[in-house]
Amino acid sequence: MEKKDYQRLNDYNLTMLTDFYEITMANGYFNSENRDAEACFDVFFRRVPDGGGFAIMAGLEQIIAYMKRLKFQDEDIEYLRSKGMFTEDFLEYLKGFEFTCDVWSVPEGYPIFPYEPVMIVKGPLIQAQFVETFILMQFNHQSLIATKANRIVRSAQGRPVMEFGTRRAQGADAAVYGARAAYIAGCVGTACTIADRNHFVPALGTMAHSWIQSFDTEYEAFKVYTEQYPDNATLLIDTYNVLKSGIPNAIKVFKELKPSKMGVRIDSGDITYLTRECRKMLDEAGLTDCKIVVSNSLDEYIIRDVIQEGAEIDSFGVGERLITARSEPVFGGVYKLSGIGQGDKLEPRMKISENVEKITNPGFKKVVRFFDKDNGKALADVIMLRDEEVPNGEPYEIFDPNAVWKRKILDNYEAKELLVQIFDKGRLVYDEPDIEEIKKTCSEQVDTLWGERLRFENPQTYYVDLSKPLWDLKHELLHQYGADNL
């Protein structure tokens, strides 16, 4: 099946999937001196969920699909006219609306850190403002699930993790795009069938307790299933009693039918105790190749603990706590104006707040990641103004923008710009990778992080610093806007 058959957001036009104030602002811009203004907006987030050391960038594919299809249909115009709030000149403008912005983004799968721009939109103010809602919706959701999934995958210490949360997801899109994000971050597959058809995330599954209960005996249920799926016979053994019924019946069926691939799944009870006992019984029966799968409201902490306790587990199915990121279900990405003007000349803008974490970084920017040349590990990120030269190996001083006396000289490094261009004046110029390439990128890029930054609790801080020119600009504007009087 070709990717084009079912790819992305083709079923209906999503142009109106936006906050209403995006349209009221657009009308206001159109009927003011800002009609022809150019602007630059940054997408970034302020805090990693669960107190982790990094997040995973995801959702770009759906953002691209949305931007390619931005078009107001007749029914959209009629709806807006019915509100009695918009000028006819503005509605006529929307009829011929064409997306012509420049867009840059960190590729999907990369580790990302607070406050650095992960996406930049630059172009006509009306257009750049309008796409805010959809960008944040996709970025916040998929990055949240990818970040949670990567934590869970790392806790499994190389054992496969399957995403099993479709029925607990908060809606259809959350199930489908959550499965996609989880796969990018390292899961081996999903229970969500449509995510396989549409996004090539391998669909996996075994059976429900109702399958067992629908037969007169557990043995018969296992036998029929194994006869039908001899190349993938994984039997759910906790419907009645794992050790007294489930595992003995599974062993009996496996020895009789000799499937080429066999496994048992446990969805309740004391995971450590039950898997140890099952492994012992399977090995004594000569079924050393039989795999043990566990599920049942797992997360990274439970998985880590049962492995430390010596549980005998070959793979995990993780549902509700992954697909909903239950421990912290909000990512918190934001979309902030960083420059405005006419043509290529943008005047820097910044938001100032008494809450220091809400003060933004001004200007048209880029992000550079420094890697150690000897081991390839990421050393730090530096946010720079767009026209600054990327360091090419000479000693480079970084400093904490909030504690400037904390400084370090980097040498023996390789510097790489993270933001790549996606759209050039509305024309897609990015060669979109397939999902397997994104998954591989994620694995490779997470491996560039030091182990201390992979801890679940109290990870070592990864520094995201400002270049000296950007730091100077920021403090010049703070002084100009009177922020030193806050």
Protein backbone atom coordinates (compact mmCIF):
# COMPACT_ATOMS: atom_id res chain seq x y z
CA MET A 1 0.00 0.00 0.00
CA GLU A 2 1.43 3.37 -0.95
CA LYS A 3 1.71 6.04 1.67
CA LYS A 4 -0.34 8.49 -0.38
CA ASP A 5 -3.46 6.31 -0.09
CA TYR A 6 -4.25 7.12 3.50
CA GLN A 7 -1.71 9.67 4.63
CA ARG A 8 -2.40 12.46 7.05
CA LEU A 9 -5.28 14.88 7.30
CA ASN A 10 -7.06 14.30 4.01
CA ASP A 11 -10.63 13.65 5.08
CA TYR A 12 -11.76 17.21 5.74
CA ASN A 13 -10.45 20.76 5.64
CA LEU A 14 -8.99 21.81 8.99
CA THR A 15 -8.43 25.49 8.25
CA MET A 16 -11.12 26.47 10.77
CA LEU A 17 -9.62 24.28 13.50
CA THR A 18 -8.33 27.36 15.26
CA ASP A 19 -9.01 29.58 18.24
CA PHE A 20 -11.60 32.19 17.33
CA TYR A 21 -9.31 35.01 18.39
CA GLU A 22 -6.90 34.09 15.61
CA ILE A 23 -9.62 35.17 13.17
CA THR A 24 -10.66 38.28 15.08
CA MET A 25 -6.99 39.34 15.27
CA ALA A 26 -6.57 38.65 11.55
CA ASN A 27 -9.55 40.88 10.79
CA GLY A 28 -8.09 43.54 13.07
CA TYR A 29 -4.69 43.36 11.42
CA PHE A 30 -6.27 43.53 7.98
CA ASN A 31 -8.18 46.70 8.84
CA SER A 32 -5.24 48.45 10.49
CA GLU A 33 -1.75 49.64 9.71
CA ASN A 34 -0.56 46.07 10.28
CA ARG A 35 -2.28 44.75 7.15
CA ASP A 36 1.02 44.28 5.30
CA ALA A 37 3.26 43.72 8.30
CA GLU A 38 5.78 40.89 8.37
CA ALA A 39 6.32 38.97 11.60
CA CYS A 40 8.35 36.23 13.21
CA PHE A 41 6.99 33.80 15.80
CA ASP A 42 8.85 31.24 17.94
CA VAL A 43 7.48 27.90 19.17
CA PHE A 44 9.06 26.73 22.42
CA PHE A 45 8.21 25.14 25.75
CA ARG A 46 9.21 26.05 29.29
CA ARG A 47 9.45 22.81 31.24
CA VAL A 48 10.05 19.11 30.55
CA PRO A 49 7.16 16.92 31.76
CA ASP A 50 7.73 14.64 34.76
CA GLY A 51 10.86 16.57 35.75
CA GLY A 52 12.77 14.84 32.96
CA GLY A 53 15.99 15.97 31.37
CA PHE A 54 14.69 16.46 27.81
CA ALA A 55 11.66 16.15 25.54
CA ILE A 56 11.22 14.62 22.08
CA MET A 57 10.20 16.74 19.09
CA ALA A 58 7.13 15.33 17.31
CA GLY A 59 4.12 16.40 15.26
CA LEU A 60 5.89 18.11 12.35
CA GLU A 61 4.40 15.85 9.67
CA GLN A 62 0.85 16.84 10.58
CA ILE A 63 1.80 20.53 10.78
CA ILE A 64 3.24 20.34 7.28
CA ALA A 65 0.09 18.66 5.97
CA TYR A 66 -2.05 21.39 7.52
CA MET A 67 0.01 24.23 6.07
CA LYS A 68 -0.09 22.67 2.60
CA ARG A 69 -3.90 22.61 2.69
CA LEU A 70 -4.70 26.00 4.24
CA LYS A 71 -7.68 27.30 2.30
CA PHE A 72 -10.96 28.93 3.33
CA GLN A 73 -13.95 27.25 1.73
CA ASP A 74 -17.26 28.88 0.87
CA GLU A 75 -18.92 27.41 3.95
CA ASP A 76 -16.17 28.89 6.12
CA ILE A 77 -16.72 32.35 4.64
CA GLU A 78 -20.49 32.08 5.10
CA TYR A 79 -20.07 31.03 8.71
CA LEU A 80 -17.78 33.98 9.42
CA ARG A 81 -20.17 36.37 7.67
CA SER A 82 -22.99 35.10 9.89
CA LYS A 83 -21.08 36.24 12.99
CA GLY A 84 -21.54 39.86 11.92
CA MET A 85 -18.04 40.78 13.12
CA PHE A 86 -15.89 40.79 10.00
CA THR A 87 -15.60 43.28 7.13
CA GLU A 88 -16.46 42.20 3.62
CA ASP A 89 -13.00 43.23 2.45
CA PHE A 90 -11.49 40.84 4.98
CA LEU A 91 -13.80 38.01 3.93
CA GLU A 92 -12.82 38.59 0.31
CA TYR A 93 -9.18 38.36 1.39
CA LEU A 94 -9.86 35.02 3.05
CA LYS A 95 -11.41 33.66 -0.15
CA GLY A 96 -8.04 34.00 -1.85
CA PHE A 97 -5.97 33.12 1.20
CA GLU A 98 -2.63 31.53 0.33
CA PHE A 99 0.03 30.48 2.83
CA THR A 100 3.33 32.16 1.90
CA CYS A 101 5.35 32.00 5.12
CA ASP A 102 8.86 30.70 5.71
CA VAL A 103 9.03 27.94 8.32
CA TRP A 104 11.96 26.32 10.10
CA SER A 105 11.78 23.42 12.53
CA VAL A 106 13.81 20.99 14.56
CA PRO A 107 13.27 17.61 12.82
CA GLU A 108 11.04 15.07 14.51
CA GLY A 109 12.78 12.69 16.88
CA TYR A 110 15.38 15.14 18.18
CA PRO A 111 15.78 15.80 21.90
CA ILE A 112 14.63 19.34 22.65
CA PHE A 113 15.02 21.56 25.70
CA PRO A 114 13.13 24.38 27.41
CA TYR A 115 13.12 27.92 25.99
CA GLU A 116 14.86 27.16 22.71
CA PRO A 117 12.85 27.75 19.51
CA VAL A 118 11.87 24.38 18.07
CA MET A 119 9.96 25.99 15.22
CA ILE A 120 10.02 29.47 13.69
CA VAL A 121 7.33 30.92 11.42
CA LYS A 122 8.20 34.10 9.51
CA GLY A 123 6.02 35.88 6.97
CA PRO A 124 2.89 38.04 6.66
CA LEU A 125 1.61 38.78 10.15
CA ILE A 126 -1.95 37.65 9.42
CA GLN A 127 -0.76 34.26 8.17
CA ALA A 128 1.93 33.66 10.76
CA GLN A 129 -0.53 34.49 13.55
CA PHE A 130 -3.27 32.29 12.13
CA VAL A 131 -1.35 28.99 12.21
CA GLU A 132 -0.58 29.23 15.94
CA THR A 133 -3.39 27.03 17.22
CA PHE A 134 -2.83 24.04 14.97
CA ILE A 135 0.95 24.13 15.42
CA LEU A 136 0.63 24.11 19.19
CA MET A 137 -2.05 21.42 19.18
CA GLN A 138 0.08 18.97 17.20
CA PHE A 139 3.41 19.89 18.77
CA ASN A 140 2.12 19.79 22.34
CA HIS A 141 0.27 16.49 21.99
CA GLN A 142 2.73 14.44 20.00
CA SER A 143 5.82 15.77 21.81
CA LEU A 144 4.14 14.97 25.13
CA ILE A 145 3.39 11.37 24.14
CA ALA A 146 6.78 10.86 22.48
CA THR A 147 8.54 12.15 25.59
CA LYS A 148 6.55 9.84 27.88
CA ALA A 149 6.99 6.87 25.55
CA ASN A 150 10.74 7.38 25.41
CA ARG A 151 10.93 7.33 29.21
CA ILE A 152 8.96 4.08 29.27
CA VAL A 153 11.04 2.51 26.50
CA ARG A 154 14.28 3.39 28.32
CA SER A 155 12.94 1.91 31.56
CA ALA A 156 12.44 -1.44 29.79
CA GLN A 157 16.21 -1.74 29.22
CA GLY A 158 16.03 -3.10 25.70
CA ARG A 159 12.86 -5.16 26.10
CA PRO A 160 10.21 -4.31 23.46
CA VAL A 161 7.39 -1.97 24.52
CA MET A 162 4.03 -2.02 22.73
CA GLU A 163 1.60 0.92 22.89
CA PHE A 164 -1.73 -0.52 24.07
CA GLY A 165 -3.72 2.61 24.93
CA THR A 166 -6.18 3.13 22.07
CA ARG A 167 -9.33 2.55 24.11
CA ARG A 168 -8.12 4.89 26.87
CA ALA A 169 -7.07 7.73 24.55
CA GLN A 170 -8.98 11.00 24.69
CA GLY A 171 -10.51 10.74 21.25
CA ALA A 172 -9.68 9.30 17.86
CA ASP A 173 -6.90 11.72 16.92
CA ALA A 174 -5.26 11.24 20.32
CA ALA A 175 -5.21 7.48 19.72
CA VAL A 176 -3.84 7.66 16.18
CA TYR A 177 -1.27 10.41 16.62
CA GLY A 178 -0.38 9.14 20.09
CA ALA A 179 0.47 5.78 18.55
CA ARG A 180 2.58 7.54 15.92
CA ALA A 181 4.45 9.58 18.54
CA ALA A 182 5.04 6.52 20.72
CA TYR A 183 6.51 4.60 17.79
CA ILE A 184 8.83 7.46 16.91
CA ALA A 185 10.07 7.46 20.50
CA GLY A 186 10.92 3.76 20.54
CA CYS A 187 7.82 1.60 20.95
CA VAL A 188 7.77 -1.40 18.61
CA GLY A 189 4.11 -1.13 17.64
CA THR A 190 0.56 -0.28 18.66
CA ALA A 191 -2.81 -1.82 19.31
CA CYS A 192 -4.35 0.89 17.07
CA THR A 193 -5.09 -0.68 13.68
CA ILE A 194 -5.70 2.55 11.79
CA ALA A 195 -2.30 3.86 12.93
CA ASP A 196 -0.78 0.97 10.98
CA ARG A 197 -2.88 1.57 7.88
CA ASN A 198 -2.39 5.35 7.86
CA HIS A 199 1.02 5.88 9.45
CA PHE A 200 2.77 2.50 9.18
CA VAL A 201 3.04 1.93 12.91
CA PRO A 202 2.98 -1.90 13.19
CA ALA A 203 -0.33 -3.14 14.63
CA LEU A 204 0.09 -5.79 17.33
CA GLY A 205 -2.22 -7.66 19.66
CA THR A 206 -3.24 -10.95 21.22
CA MET A 207 -6.69 -11.61 22.69
CA ALA A 208 -9.13 -10.32 25.30
CA HIS A 209 -10.47 -12.14 28.33
CA SER A 210 -13.79 -12.38 26.47
CA TRP A 211 -12.14 -14.75 23.97
CA ILE A 212 -11.32 -17.15 26.79
CA GLN A 213 -14.74 -16.77 28.39
CA SER A 214 -16.58 -17.42 25.12
CA PHE A 215 -15.36 -21.06 25.07
CA ASP A 216 -16.43 -23.82 27.41
CA THR A 217 -12.88 -24.28 28.66
CA GLU A 218 -9.70 -22.25 28.80
CA TYR A 219 -7.84 -25.11 27.12
CA GLU A 220 -10.24 -25.05 24.16
CA ALA A 221 -9.89 -21.26 23.82
CA PHE A 222 -6.10 -21.57 23.73
CA LYS A 223 -6.17 -24.47 21.30
CA VAL A 224 -8.46 -22.76 18.77
CA TYR A 225 -6.42 -19.55 18.86
CA THR A 226 -3.11 -21.36 18.43
CA GLU A 227 -4.49 -23.40 15.53
CA GLN A 228 -5.51 -20.19 13.77
CA TYR A 229 -2.34 -18.22 14.53
CA PRO A 230 0.49 -20.77 14.71
CA ASP A 231 3.08 -18.17 13.76
CA ASN A 232 2.10 -15.77 16.53
CA ALA A 233 0.35 -17.57 19.36
CA THR A 234 0.38 -15.34 22.46
CA LEU A 235 -2.16 -16.52 25.03
CA LEU A 236 -3.72 -14.44 27.81
CA ILE A 237 -3.33 -16.60 30.93
CA ASP A 238 -4.88 -14.59 33.78
CA THR A 239 -8.63 -14.96 33.04
CA TYR A 240 -9.08 -17.52 35.81
CA ASN A 241 -5.86 -18.42 37.63
CA VAL A 242 -2.41 -17.82 36.18
CA LEU A 243 -0.48 -20.61 37.89
CA LYS A 244 -3.19 -23.24 38.46
CA SER A 245 -5.00 -22.90 35.15
CA GLY A 246 -3.58 -20.42 32.65
CA ILE A 247 0.05 -21.47 32.36
CA PRO A 248 -0.66 -25.25 32.57
CA ASN A 249 -3.23 -25.00 29.76
CA ALA A 250 -0.89 -22.85 27.66
CA ILE A 251 1.93 -25.35 28.12
CA LYS A 252 -0.37 -28.23 27.15
CA VAL A 253 -1.49 -26.49 23.94
CA PHE A 254 2.04 -25.41 22.99
CA LYS A 255 3.43 -28.93 23.42
CA GLU A 256 0.58 -30.42 21.38
CA LEU A 257 0.55 -27.91 18.49
CA LYS A 258 4.17 -26.74 18.50
CA PRO A 259 3.58 -23.18 17.13
CA SER A 260 6.61 -21.54 15.56
CA LYS A 261 6.23 -18.49 17.79
CA MET A 262 4.61 -18.61 21.20
CA GLY A 263 4.07 -16.39 24.21
CA VAL A 264 1.91 -15.81 27.27
CA ARG A 265 0.53 -12.53 28.55
CA ILE A 266 -0.28 -11.56 32.12
CA ASP A 267 -2.56 -8.57 32.70
CA SER A 268 -3.06 -8.63 36.47
CA GLY A 269 -1.56 -9.75 39.76
CA ASP A 270 1.94 -9.61 41.22
CA ILE A 271 4.00 -9.27 38.08
CA THR A 272 7.34 -10.17 39.61
CA TYR A 273 6.13 -13.31 41.39
CA LEU A 274 3.91 -14.56 38.56
CA THR A 275 6.49 -14.08 35.79
CA ARG A 276 9.17 -15.87 37.82
CA GLU A 277 6.89 -18.83 38.44
CA CYS A 278 5.71 -18.91 34.81
CA ARG A 279 9.28 -18.84 33.53
CA LYS A 280 10.18 -21.73 35.78
CA MET A 281 7.21 -23.82 34.62
CA LEU A 282 7.81 -23.01 30.94
CA ASP A 283 11.49 -23.94 31.17
CA GLU A 284 10.74 -27.17 33.00
CA ALA A 285 8.34 -28.04 30.15
CA GLY A 286 11.10 -27.42 27.61
CA LEU A 287 9.45 -24.25 26.30
CA THR A 288 12.45 -21.98 26.76
CA ASP A 289 11.55 -20.05 23.61
CA CYS A 290 8.14 -19.05 24.93
CA LYS A 291 8.01 -15.30 25.66
CA ILE A 292 6.34 -13.64 28.64
CA VAL A 293 4.47 -10.39 28.02
CA VAL A 294 2.98 -8.23 30.77
CA SER A 295 0.54 -5.33 30.72
CA ASN A 296 -1.78 -3.78 33.38
CA SER A 297 -1.42 -0.02 33.98
CA LEU A 298 2.33 0.12 33.62
CA ASP A 299 4.61 3.14 33.52
CA GLU A 300 8.36 3.76 33.61
CA TYR A 301 8.59 3.47 37.39
CA ILE A 302 6.71 0.18 37.67
CA ILE A 303 8.68 -1.30 34.78
CA ARG A 304 11.97 -0.19 36.32
CA ASP A 305 11.01 -1.63 39.71
CA VAL A 306 9.84 -5.05 38.52
CA ILE A 307 13.00 -5.48 36.44
CA GLN A 308 15.09 -4.62 39.51
CA GLU A 309 13.08 -7.17 41.49
CA GLY A 310 14.04 -9.89 39.02
CA ALA A 311 10.80 -10.27 37.09
CA GLU A 312 11.08 -12.59 34.06
CA ILE A 313 9.61 -10.41 31.31
CA ASP A 314 10.38 -10.37 27.61
CA SER A 315 8.17 -7.44 26.55
CA PHE A 316 5.64 -4.93 27.85
CA GLY A 317 2.27 -3.63 26.72
CA VAL A 318 1.68 -0.13 28.07
CA GLY A 319 -1.69 1.56 27.74
CA GLU A 320 -3.40 4.36 29.62
CA ARG A 321 -0.38 5.84 31.37
CA LEU A 322 1.41 6.20 28.04
CA ILE A 323 -1.33 7.31 25.64
CA THR A 324 -2.62 9.95 28.09
CA ALA A 325 0.75 10.81 29.67
CA ARG A 326 -1.23 10.37 32.85
CA SER A 327 1.45 11.57 35.27
CA GLU A 328 1.61 14.98 33.55
CA PRO A 329 -0.80 15.34 30.65
CA VAL A 330 0.07 18.89 29.53
CA PHE A 331 3.16 19.81 27.54
CA GLY A 332 2.85 23.58 27.64
CA GLY A 333 4.38 24.69 24.35
CA VAL A 334 3.79 28.34 23.44
CA TYR A 335 3.87 30.55 20.33
CA LYS A 336 5.34 34.00 20.84
CA LEU A 337 6.01 37.00 18.62
CA SER A 338 9.75 37.74 18.38
CA GLY A 339 9.86 40.35 15.60
CA ILE A 340 7.68 42.56 13.42
CA GLY A 341 8.27 44.99 10.57
CA GLN A 342 8.08 45.48 6.85
CA GLY A 343 9.88 43.28 4.33
CA ASP A 344 13.08 41.70 5.59
CA LYS A 345 13.60 44.35 8.26
CA LEU A 346 12.15 43.05 11.51
CA GLU A 347 12.16 44.99 14.75
CA PRO A 348 12.76 42.62 17.67
CA ARG A 349 9.90 42.11 20.11
CA MET A 350 9.73 40.37 23.48
CA LYS A 351 7.20 39.64 26.19
CA ILE A 352 8.07 40.91 29.65
CA SER A 353 6.59 39.56 32.84
CA GLU A 354 7.12 39.64 36.57
CA ASN A 355 7.38 35.86 36.19
CA VAL A 356 10.94 35.57 34.91
CA GLU A 357 10.24 32.28 33.15
CA LYS A 358 7.67 34.06 30.94
CA ILE A 359 10.10 36.64 29.57
CA THR A 360 10.79 35.72 25.96
CA ASN A 361 13.88 35.99 23.77
CA PRO A 362 13.63 38.64 21.02
CA GLY A 363 14.62 38.62 17.37
CA PHE A 364 14.93 36.24 14.43
CA LYS A 365 17.01 33.37 15.77
CA LYS A 366 18.59 29.97 15.25
CA VAL A 367 19.66 27.18 17.58
CA VAL A 368 23.11 25.58 17.49
CA ARG A 369 23.94 22.32 19.25
CA PHE A 370 27.55 21.62 20.23
CA PHE A 371 28.79 18.01 20.14
CA ASP A 372 32.01 16.64 21.62
CA LYS A 373 34.22 15.58 18.70
CA ASP A 374 35.69 12.64 20.61
CA ASN A 375 32.51 10.86 21.69
CA GLY A 376 29.68 12.61 19.83
CA LYS A 377 27.88 13.59 23.03
CA ALA A 378 25.84 16.79 23.12
CA LEU A 379 27.52 19.49 25.21
CA ALA A 380 25.09 22.42 25.12
CA ASP A 381 22.71 24.38 22.92
CA VAL A 382 23.14 28.07 22.15
CA ILE A 383 20.35 30.31 20.85
CA MET A 384 21.83 32.85 18.43
CA LEU A 385 20.60 35.70 16.30
CA ARG A 386 19.99 34.58 12.76
CA ASP A 387 22.85 36.54 11.22
CA GLU A 388 25.51 35.27 13.65
CA GLU A 389 28.18 32.95 12.30
CA VAL A 390 28.03 29.37 13.54
CA PRO A 391 31.25 28.59 15.44
CA ASN A 392 33.53 26.32 13.41
CA GLY A 393 35.91 24.92 16.02
CA GLU A 394 37.60 27.90 17.59
CA PRO A 395 37.20 28.20 21.39
CA TYR A 396 33.68 29.40 22.15
CA GLU A 397 32.53 30.71 25.52
CA ILE A 398 29.07 29.81 26.76
CA PHE A 399 27.45 31.24 29.87
CA ASP A 400 24.29 30.77 31.89
CA PRO A 401 21.96 33.60 30.81
CA ASN A 402 20.47 33.80 34.31
CA ALA A 403 23.78 33.48 36.18
CA VAL A 404 26.32 35.02 33.83
CA TRP A 405 29.27 34.26 36.10
CA LYS A 406 28.82 30.58 35.24
CA ARG A 407 30.95 30.26 32.12
CA LYS A 408 32.69 27.56 30.16
CA ILE A 409 34.98 27.49 27.13
CA LEU A 410 34.06 24.89 24.53
CA ASP A 411 36.72 23.49 22.23
CA ASN A 412 37.16 20.23 20.32
CA TYR A 413 33.52 20.43 19.29
CA GLU A 414 31.34 20.20 16.22
CA ALA A 415 28.53 22.76 15.98
CA LYS A 416 25.28 21.96 14.15
CA GLU A 417 22.27 24.15 13.42
CA LEU A 418 19.13 22.36 14.60
CA LEU A 419 16.44 24.28 12.73
CA VAL A 420 16.01 23.20 9.10
CA GLN A 421 13.88 25.03 6.58
CA ILE A 422 10.49 23.46 5.92
CA PHE A 423 8.68 26.08 3.81
CA ASP A 424 10.13 28.82 1.62
CA LYS A 425 7.44 31.45 0.99
CA GLY A 426 4.80 28.77 1.37
CA ARG A 427 6.54 26.22 -0.86
CA LEU A 428 7.53 22.95 0.81
CA VAL A 429 11.31 22.55 0.51
CA TYR A 430 11.79 19.83 3.11
CA ASP A 431 12.27 16.20 2.11
CA GLU A 432 9.96 14.54 4.61
CA PRO A 433 11.42 11.37 6.16
CA ASP A 434 9.27 8.30 6.61
CA ILE A 435 8.40 7.09 10.07
CA GLU A 436 11.20 4.51 10.20
CA GLU A 437 13.77 7.23 9.47
CA ILE A 438 12.27 9.43 12.21
CA LYS A 439 12.33 6.53 14.68
CA LYS A 440 15.99 5.86 13.83
CA THR A 441 16.84 9.55 14.21
CA CYS A 442 15.22 9.59 17.65
CA SER A 443 17.24 6.61 18.84
CA GLU A 444 20.48 8.04 17.50
CA GLN A 445 19.93 11.51 18.90
CA VAL A 446 18.89 10.34 22.37
CA ASP A 447 22.13 8.36 22.39
CA THR A 448 24.03 11.66 22.10
CA LEU A 449 22.88 12.62 25.60
CA TRP A 450 25.03 11.81 28.63
CA GLY A 451 23.63 9.17 30.97
CA GLU A 452 23.27 11.72 33.75
CA ARG A 453 20.69 13.53 31.63
CA LEU A 454 18.65 10.37 31.08
CA ARG A 455 17.77 9.90 34.77
CA PHE A 456 14.07 9.90 35.61
CA GLU A 457 14.62 11.84 38.83
CA ASN A 458 16.91 14.85 39.17
CA PRO A 459 18.59 14.59 35.76
CA GLN A 460 21.64 16.71 35.18
CA THR A 461 20.69 20.05 33.63
CA TYR A 462 21.38 20.45 29.93
CA TYR A 463 22.41 24.01 29.26
CA VAL A 464 20.58 26.15 26.73
CA ASP A 465 22.46 29.43 26.64
CA LEU A 466 22.13 32.69 24.75
CA SER A 467 24.87 34.04 22.52
CA LYS A 468 26.42 37.29 23.71
CA PRO A 469 24.75 39.37 20.93
CA LEU A 470 21.32 37.89 21.78
CA TRP A 471 21.87 38.38 25.51
CA ASP A 472 22.86 42.00 24.88
CA LEU A 473 19.78 42.59 22.71
CA LYS A 474 17.49 41.06 25.32
CA HIS A 475 18.84 43.24 28.11
CA GLU A 476 18.78 46.34 25.93
CA LEU A 477 15.07 45.76 25.32
CA LEU A 478 14.43 44.99 28.98
CA HIS A 479 15.94 48.37 29.83
CA GLN A 480 14.11 50.08 26.97
CA TYR A 481 10.74 48.70 28.08
CA GLY A 482 11.41 49.70 31.69
CA ALA A 483 11.60 46.14 32.94
CA ASP A 484 14.33 47.12 35.39
CA ASN A 485 11.55 48.86 37.35
CA LEU A 486 9.44 45.70 37.75
